[in-house]
Structure formats: structure tokens, C-alpha cells
């Protein structure tokens, strides 16, 4: 697969134990890590160098296994994915049914633009831990990358059934509906994402355990659908923000909001009207002379 086909993937560091800084994730026992793999946070957290600083220390000494896992997580943050795979693979020989490690290896391969290998590990993780929505969601993003949107949607819906609080799965579902030109379905999925996490679309991280598959859809259309989603929730500020972005991206149908029932409650707001109504004609600069 060409590299450009995966350029639309965005990553957000979440559950499976990696939702905490690596130092904290590594301090957990295998049983605790297994439990953590089923506890998905709805708000993506970008894991930065600050997250792995020495200011966050484990509550008890780490085992050699935990220390190595922390090292692998650090490699992931630094985008040294092949190094991370080597570490995780060694650990996997000790715990071959560790769904968290399987999922992390899948993430690393997907970051390396090797989707077939990523899919293999997501499937293994899903088989080992049938209650975790994370590898199912990530598996769906591989299908999305192959433009198998129907299959991707099936994965996302399965992930949602396993964890209805998983905002990323809803957003992924919206992106897949958008790719299939099912715009109303996309709006409903984005609306649900916003209800779960109002700041979800604001600032996206780039390293992650739960994958968000944005694809390469026209940004103007995407922003318009987001504006519509926020309008349905009576969030005027966010609606105006994304409606303006849609206009600025050159989406010619952004003025459809004037007739769209979803925007009815916000149309009278001055911020919305200023975006939708054309500016008044400029005053004529022609010289005028007083009549005699």
C-alpha cells in the first residue's frame, strides 16, 4: 500500500494500560493491565515527553517485565516503532496472551504503514480479550485504510457495543459514513462523539493506543457536518467556529445552513448570521458634488 493511503490516520494515546504515562502503566501487574485494557477513556490524551518525565514515579519498584514494557512505550512516544516492536515481542514470549502487548504491536506496525501486519495483531488481541473494544476499533481503521468502509463500520459498531462510551469509535463511524457519502449518518455519529466528549475534535494527539481514522475527505464538507452536529446540540460558539472553517476551506454549500432544519435554532445568532449572510456592498467612492 502506498504511504499516502495512510496519511489520514490520527492516533490518540488511550487505554490498554497506555492511557497512563508509561511509568504508571508499567507499575501494574499483568492482571491489572488486563483489567485496564477494558477501561477506555473517552478523552484522548497526547503522550508527550512531559508525560514520561521522572516527576511521575511508580508507587512500587518495577519488575523487569514492567521496566521493559515502559521502555517499549517510550520508544512508541519517540516514534521508534521497530525498537518498540522488538521490546514488545520479547515480552510477548513471556506472556503470549497479553492483549495489551498484541494491540501495541499492531499500533506500531500501522504507524510503519504495514497494515496487513497490524491487522494480524489486532485480530490476535481481539481473540485473546473478547471484551475489549480497543483492538476491534483499531482493526476497523485498517479496513478503513483499505477503503473497505462497510467492513470498517461493522468493526466500529462492534466496538461501540462492547464499550458505548468510546468516543473514538463513534468518530471513526462518522468518518466511514462520510466516506460513503452517508452525511446524515455521519452527523449523528459526530453528534454522539461530542456528547461523550465535547472537546474531542479540538486538539488531537499523534501517538496512540486507540486509532482515529479520519481519511482524506474534503475538509470543508467535514467542517460543515461538524457545524451541523454542534447546531443540533445548541452549541452556537462551536457551530460558528466550524461553519466559518467550512466557508474558509471553500465549501460552496455552507450557505445550505440557512435552509437546513438542523440549524434553525442558531440562525438568529449574530455570529451565525455574519457567516451566512453576504457582506453589504462597499460604499461608492465616486466623488459627489453639492447641487447648486
Protein backbone atom coordinates (compact mmCIF):
# COMPACT_ATOMS: atom_id res chain seq x y z
CA UNK A 1 0.00 0.00 0.00
CA UNK A 2 1.19 3.47 -0.82
CA UNK A 3 2.20 5.66 2.08
CA UNK A 4 -0.30 8.34 1.12
CA UNK A 5 -3.21 5.99 1.69
CA UNK A 6 -2.45 6.04 5.41
CA UNK A 7 -1.70 9.73 5.71
CA UNK A 8 -5.13 10.39 7.15
CA UNK A 9 -4.65 8.26 10.25
CA UNK A 10 -4.54 10.13 13.54
CA UNK A 11 -3.58 8.48 16.83
CA UNK A 12 -4.60 9.24 20.44
CA UNK A 13 -2.90 7.57 23.42
CA UNK A 14 -5.66 5.84 25.41
CA UNK A 15 -6.44 2.68 27.29
CA UNK A 16 -4.89 -0.80 27.49
CA UNK A 17 -2.68 0.50 30.29
CA UNK A 18 -1.09 3.03 27.98
CA UNK A 19 -3.66 5.65 28.83
CA UNK A 20 -1.49 6.46 31.83
CA UNK A 21 2.10 7.65 31.47
CA UNK A 22 4.35 4.67 30.78
CA UNK A 23 5.79 4.81 34.28
CA UNK A 24 2.35 4.25 35.74
CA UNK A 25 1.31 1.70 33.14
CA UNK A 26 4.42 -0.31 33.77
CA UNK A 27 3.78 -0.46 37.52
CA UNK A 28 0.71 -2.63 37.01
CA UNK A 29 0.61 -6.38 37.36
CA UNK A 30 -0.41 -8.48 34.33
CA UNK A 31 -3.87 -8.93 35.87
CA UNK A 32 -4.24 -5.17 36.41
CA UNK A 33 -3.07 -4.48 32.86
CA UNK A 34 -5.69 -6.92 31.55
CA UNK A 35 -8.38 -5.08 33.50
CA UNK A 36 -7.10 -1.74 32.29
CA UNK A 37 -7.31 -2.90 28.69
CA UNK A 38 -11.09 -2.93 29.07
CA UNK A 39 -11.36 0.50 30.67
CA UNK A 40 -11.40 3.02 27.83
CA UNK A 41 -11.13 6.74 28.47
CA UNK A 42 -13.33 8.85 26.20
CA UNK A 43 -10.95 11.80 26.00
CA UNK A 44 -7.78 11.24 24.01
CA UNK A 45 -4.57 12.14 25.81
CA UNK A 46 -1.47 13.09 23.84
CA UNK A 47 1.54 11.43 25.42
CA UNK A 48 4.44 13.87 25.37
CA UNK A 49 7.91 13.89 26.81
CA UNK A 50 6.45 15.58 29.88
CA UNK A 51 4.26 12.52 30.45
CA UNK A 52 7.27 10.24 30.85
CA UNK A 53 9.38 12.56 32.94
CA UNK A 54 10.92 11.42 36.17
CA UNK A 55 8.43 13.56 38.11
CA UNK A 56 5.91 10.71 37.80
CA UNK A 57 7.24 7.71 39.67
CA UNK A 58 5.69 4.27 40.18
CA UNK A 59 4.24 3.61 43.63
CA UNK A 60 6.38 0.49 43.98
CA UNK A 61 9.51 -0.97 42.39
CA UNK A 62 9.07 -2.20 38.84
CA UNK A 63 9.65 -5.79 37.81
CA UNK A 64 12.00 -6.44 34.88
CA UNK A 65 8.92 -7.11 32.71
CA UNK A 66 7.37 -3.77 33.66
CA UNK A 67 10.62 -1.94 33.10
CA UNK A 68 10.93 -3.37 29.59
CA UNK A 69 7.34 -2.51 28.81
CA UNK A 70 7.96 1.05 29.90
CA UNK A 71 10.96 1.16 27.59
CA UNK A 72 8.80 -0.04 24.71
CA UNK A 73 6.20 2.65 25.47
CA UNK A 74 8.96 5.26 25.46
CA UNK A 75 10.09 4.08 22.03
CA UNK A 76 6.48 4.43 20.83
CA UNK A 77 6.37 8.03 22.02
CA UNK A 78 9.63 8.74 20.23
CA UNK A 79 8.28 7.09 17.06
CA UNK A 80 10.98 4.41 17.16
CA UNK A 81 8.40 1.82 16.26
CA UNK A 82 10.72 -1.01 15.22
CA UNK A 83 12.54 -0.73 18.54
CA UNK A 84 9.18 -0.84 20.33
CA UNK A 85 8.13 -3.93 18.36
CA UNK A 86 11.35 -5.70 19.36
CA UNK A 87 10.72 -4.96 23.04
CA UNK A 88 7.05 -5.94 22.96
CA UNK A 89 7.78 -9.12 21.00
CA UNK A 90 10.31 -10.25 23.63
CA UNK A 91 7.74 -9.61 26.35
CA UNK A 92 5.10 -11.45 24.36
CA UNK A 93 7.19 -14.61 24.54
CA UNK A 94 6.72 -14.43 28.31
CA UNK A 95 3.02 -13.59 28.13
CA UNK A 96 1.72 -14.80 24.74
CA UNK A 97 -1.88 -13.99 25.68
CA UNK A 98 -1.25 -10.38 26.67
CA UNK A 99 -3.87 -8.48 24.63
CA UNK A 100 -2.31 -5.13 25.51
CA UNK A 101 1.05 -6.07 24.01
CA UNK A 102 -0.59 -7.55 20.93
CA UNK A 103 -2.51 -4.33 20.38
CA UNK A 104 0.59 -2.19 20.87
CA UNK A 105 2.47 -4.19 18.28
CA UNK A 106 -0.44 -3.67 15.92
CA UNK A 107 -0.25 0.07 16.52
CA UNK A 108 3.48 0.08 15.79
CA UNK A 109 3.03 -1.80 12.53
CA UNK A 110 0.25 0.52 11.48
CA UNK A 111 2.45 3.51 12.19
CA UNK A 112 5.08 1.87 9.98
CA UNK A 113 2.45 1.64 7.22
CA UNK A 114 2.34 -2.15 7.34
CA UNK A 115 -1.43 -2.58 7.70
CA UNK A 116 -1.52 -6.31 6.99
CA UNK A 117 0.76 -6.99 9.95
CA UNK A 118 -1.17 -4.51 12.09
CA UNK A 119 -4.43 -6.28 11.29
CA UNK A 120 -2.92 -9.64 12.23
CA UNK A 121 -2.07 -8.42 15.72
CA UNK A 122 -5.39 -6.62 16.22
CA UNK A 123 -7.17 -9.87 15.42
CA UNK A 124 -5.00 -11.74 17.90
CA UNK A 125 -5.67 -9.14 20.61
CA UNK A 126 -9.41 -9.28 19.96
CA UNK A 127 -9.34 -13.07 20.19
CA UNK A 128 -7.42 -13.03 23.47
CA UNK A 129 -9.60 -10.36 25.11
CA UNK A 130 -13.10 -10.61 23.69
CA UNK A 131 -14.40 -7.88 25.98
CA UNK A 132 -12.01 -5.15 24.82
CA UNK A 133 -13.31 -2.67 22.25
CA UNK A 134 -9.86 -1.24 21.50
CA UNK A 135 -8.40 -3.82 19.09
CA UNK A 136 -11.79 -4.09 17.34
CA UNK A 137 -11.81 -0.35 16.75
CA UNK A 138 -8.22 -0.40 15.55
CA UNK A 139 -8.95 -3.33 13.28
CA UNK A 140 -11.69 -1.20 11.75
CA UNK A 141 -9.20 1.53 10.91
CA UNK A 142 -7.19 -0.97 8.88
CA UNK A 143 -10.33 -1.80 6.91
CA UNK A 144 -10.93 1.92 6.51
CA UNK A 145 -7.41 2.37 5.14
CA UNK A 146 -8.17 -0.27 2.53
CA UNK A 147 -11.39 1.63 1.65
CA UNK A 148 -13.45 -1.31 2.88
CA UNK A 149 -15.90 1.05 4.53
CA UNK A 150 -18.66 -1.48 5.09
CA UNK A 151 -16.30 -3.79 6.96
CA UNK A 152 -14.87 -0.86 8.91
CA UNK A 153 -18.35 0.19 10.00
CA UNK A 154 -19.06 -3.33 11.24
CA UNK A 155 -15.92 -3.21 13.39
CA UNK A 156 -16.76 0.23 14.79
CA UNK A 157 -20.30 -0.80 15.67
CA UNK A 158 -18.98 -3.91 17.37
CA UNK A 159 -16.54 -1.78 19.36
CA UNK A 160 -19.41 0.51 20.37
CA UNK A 161 -21.46 -2.45 21.55
CA UNK A 162 -18.53 -3.52 23.72
CA UNK A 163 -17.94 -0.01 25.03
CA UNK A 164 -20.72 2.56 24.39
CA UNK A 165 -18.57 5.29 25.99
CA UNK A 166 -15.82 5.03 23.36
CA UNK A 167 -15.87 8.41 21.61
CA UNK A 168 -13.18 7.39 19.12
CA UNK A 169 -15.30 4.55 17.80
CA UNK A 170 -18.20 6.93 17.17
CA UNK A 171 -15.96 9.43 15.40
CA UNK A 172 -14.50 6.66 13.27
CA UNK A 173 -18.01 5.56 12.41
CA UNK A 174 -18.75 9.13 11.34
CA UNK A 175 -15.68 9.27 9.12
CA UNK A 176 -16.66 5.99 7.46
CA UNK A 177 -20.21 7.27 6.86
CA UNK A 178 -18.71 10.45 5.43
CA UNK A 179 -16.54 8.41 3.07
CA UNK A 180 -19.65 6.58 1.91
CA UNK A 181 -21.48 9.90 1.48
CA UNK A 182 -23.97 8.97 4.18
CA UNK A 183 -23.90 12.51 5.51
CA UNK A 184 -26.87 12.35 7.88
CA UNK A 185 -25.49 9.18 9.45
CA UNK A 186 -22.12 10.89 9.80
CA UNK A 187 -23.74 13.84 11.59
CA UNK A 188 -25.45 11.51 14.06
CA UNK A 189 -22.15 9.73 14.77
CA UNK A 190 -20.29 13.02 15.25
CA UNK A 191 -23.08 14.30 17.47
CA UNK A 192 -22.74 11.22 19.68
CA UNK A 193 -18.97 11.74 19.79
CA UNK A 194 -19.48 15.31 21.00
CA UNK A 195 -21.96 14.21 23.66
CA UNK A 196 -19.38 11.77 25.01
CA UNK A 197 -16.51 14.25 24.78
CA UNK A 198 -17.31 17.90 23.91
CA UNK A 199 -13.64 18.70 23.22
CA UNK A 200 -12.97 15.62 21.11
CA UNK A 201 -12.44 17.43 17.81
CA UNK A 202 -10.40 20.31 19.22
CA UNK A 203 -6.86 19.05 19.75
CA UNK A 204 -5.83 15.65 18.52
CA UNK A 205 -2.75 13.81 19.67
CA UNK A 206 -0.47 11.95 17.27
CA UNK A 207 0.61 8.94 19.33
CA UNK A 208 -1.91 6.46 20.45
CA UNK A 209 -3.43 3.22 21.55
CA UNK A 210 -6.89 3.87 20.12
CA UNK A 211 -6.77 4.89 16.49
CA UNK A 212 -8.85 7.52 14.78
CA UNK A 213 -9.22 7.07 11.02
CA UNK A 214 -10.01 10.45 9.53
CA UNK A 215 -9.28 9.60 5.92
CA UNK A 216 -8.87 12.15 3.18
CA UNK A 217 -12.33 13.64 2.89
CA UNK A 218 -12.79 17.28 1.82
CA UNK A 219 -12.18 19.34 4.97
CA UNK A 220 -14.83 21.91 4.06
CA UNK A 221 -17.57 19.27 4.00
CA UNK A 222 -16.30 17.70 7.20
CA UNK A 223 -16.35 21.07 8.99
CA UNK A 224 -19.86 21.74 7.72
CA UNK A 225 -21.08 18.44 9.14
CA UNK A 226 -19.38 19.24 12.45
CA UNK A 227 -21.08 22.64 12.47
CA UNK A 228 -24.39 20.88 11.89
CA UNK A 229 -23.69 18.47 14.74
CA UNK A 230 -22.99 21.34 17.12
CA UNK A 231 -26.07 23.23 15.89
CA UNK A 232 -28.22 20.25 16.84
CA UNK A 233 -26.72 20.49 20.34
CA UNK A 234 -27.37 24.28 20.55
CA UNK A 235 -23.65 24.97 20.84
CA UNK A 236 -23.56 28.27 18.98
CA UNK A 237 -19.88 29.05 19.52
CA UNK A 238 -18.66 25.70 18.17
CA UNK A 239 -21.21 25.77 15.37
CA UNK A 240 -20.00 29.21 14.26
CA UNK A 241 -16.37 28.13 14.53
CA UNK A 242 -16.74 25.11 12.24
CA UNK A 243 -19.15 26.85 9.88
CA UNK A 244 -16.56 29.57 9.35
CA UNK A 245 -13.86 26.92 8.81
CA UNK A 246 -16.10 25.25 6.24
CA UNK A 247 -16.53 28.54 4.42
CA UNK A 248 -12.83 29.33 4.59
CA UNK A 249 -11.98 25.90 3.17
CA UNK A 250 -14.05 26.77 0.12
CA UNK A 251 -17.06 24.54 0.72
CA UNK A 252 -19.57 26.18 -1.59
CA UNK A 253 -22.67 24.69 0.03
CA UNK A 254 -22.04 26.07 3.50
CA UNK A 255 -24.92 28.50 2.94
CA UNK A 256 -27.28 25.49 2.86
CA UNK A 257 -27.37 26.00 6.61
CA UNK A 258 -29.88 28.80 6.03
CA UNK A 259 -32.45 26.23 4.90
CA UNK A 260 -31.33 23.21 6.91
CA UNK A 261 -33.73 22.49 9.83
CA UNK A 262 -30.78 21.37 11.96
CA UNK A 263 -29.54 24.99 12.06
CA UNK A 264 -32.94 26.52 12.82
CA UNK A 265 -32.26 27.27 16.49
CA UNK A 266 -28.96 29.04 15.82
CA UNK A 267 -29.75 31.02 12.67
CA UNK A 268 -30.76 34.17 14.55
CA UNK A 269 -27.48 34.35 16.40
CA UNK A 270 -25.37 37.28 15.14
CA UNK A 271 -22.25 35.11 14.86
CA UNK A 272 -24.01 32.63 12.61
CA UNK A 273 -25.70 35.35 10.55
CA UNK A 274 -22.38 37.12 10.00
CA UNK A 275 -21.01 33.94 8.42
CA UNK A 276 -24.03 33.05 6.32
CA UNK A 277 -25.18 36.47 5.12
CA UNK A 278 -23.15 38.15 2.39
CA UNK A 279 -21.42 41.39 3.43
CA UNK A 280 -23.16 44.65 2.41
CA UNK A 281 -21.89 46.27 -0.77
CA UNK A 282 -18.98 48.61 -0.25
CA UNK A 283 -19.83 52.32 -0.27
CA UNK A 284 -19.18 54.02 -3.58
CA UNK A 285 -16.02 56.12 -3.66
CA UNK A 286 -17.26 58.27 -6.52
CA UNK A 287 -16.95 61.99 -5.84
CA UNK A 288 -20.19 63.83 -5.05
CA UNK A 289 -20.82 67.47 -5.53
CA UNK A 290 -23.42 69.60 -3.79
CA UNK A 291 -26.27 70.63 -6.03
CA UNK A 292 -26.50 74.29 -6.94
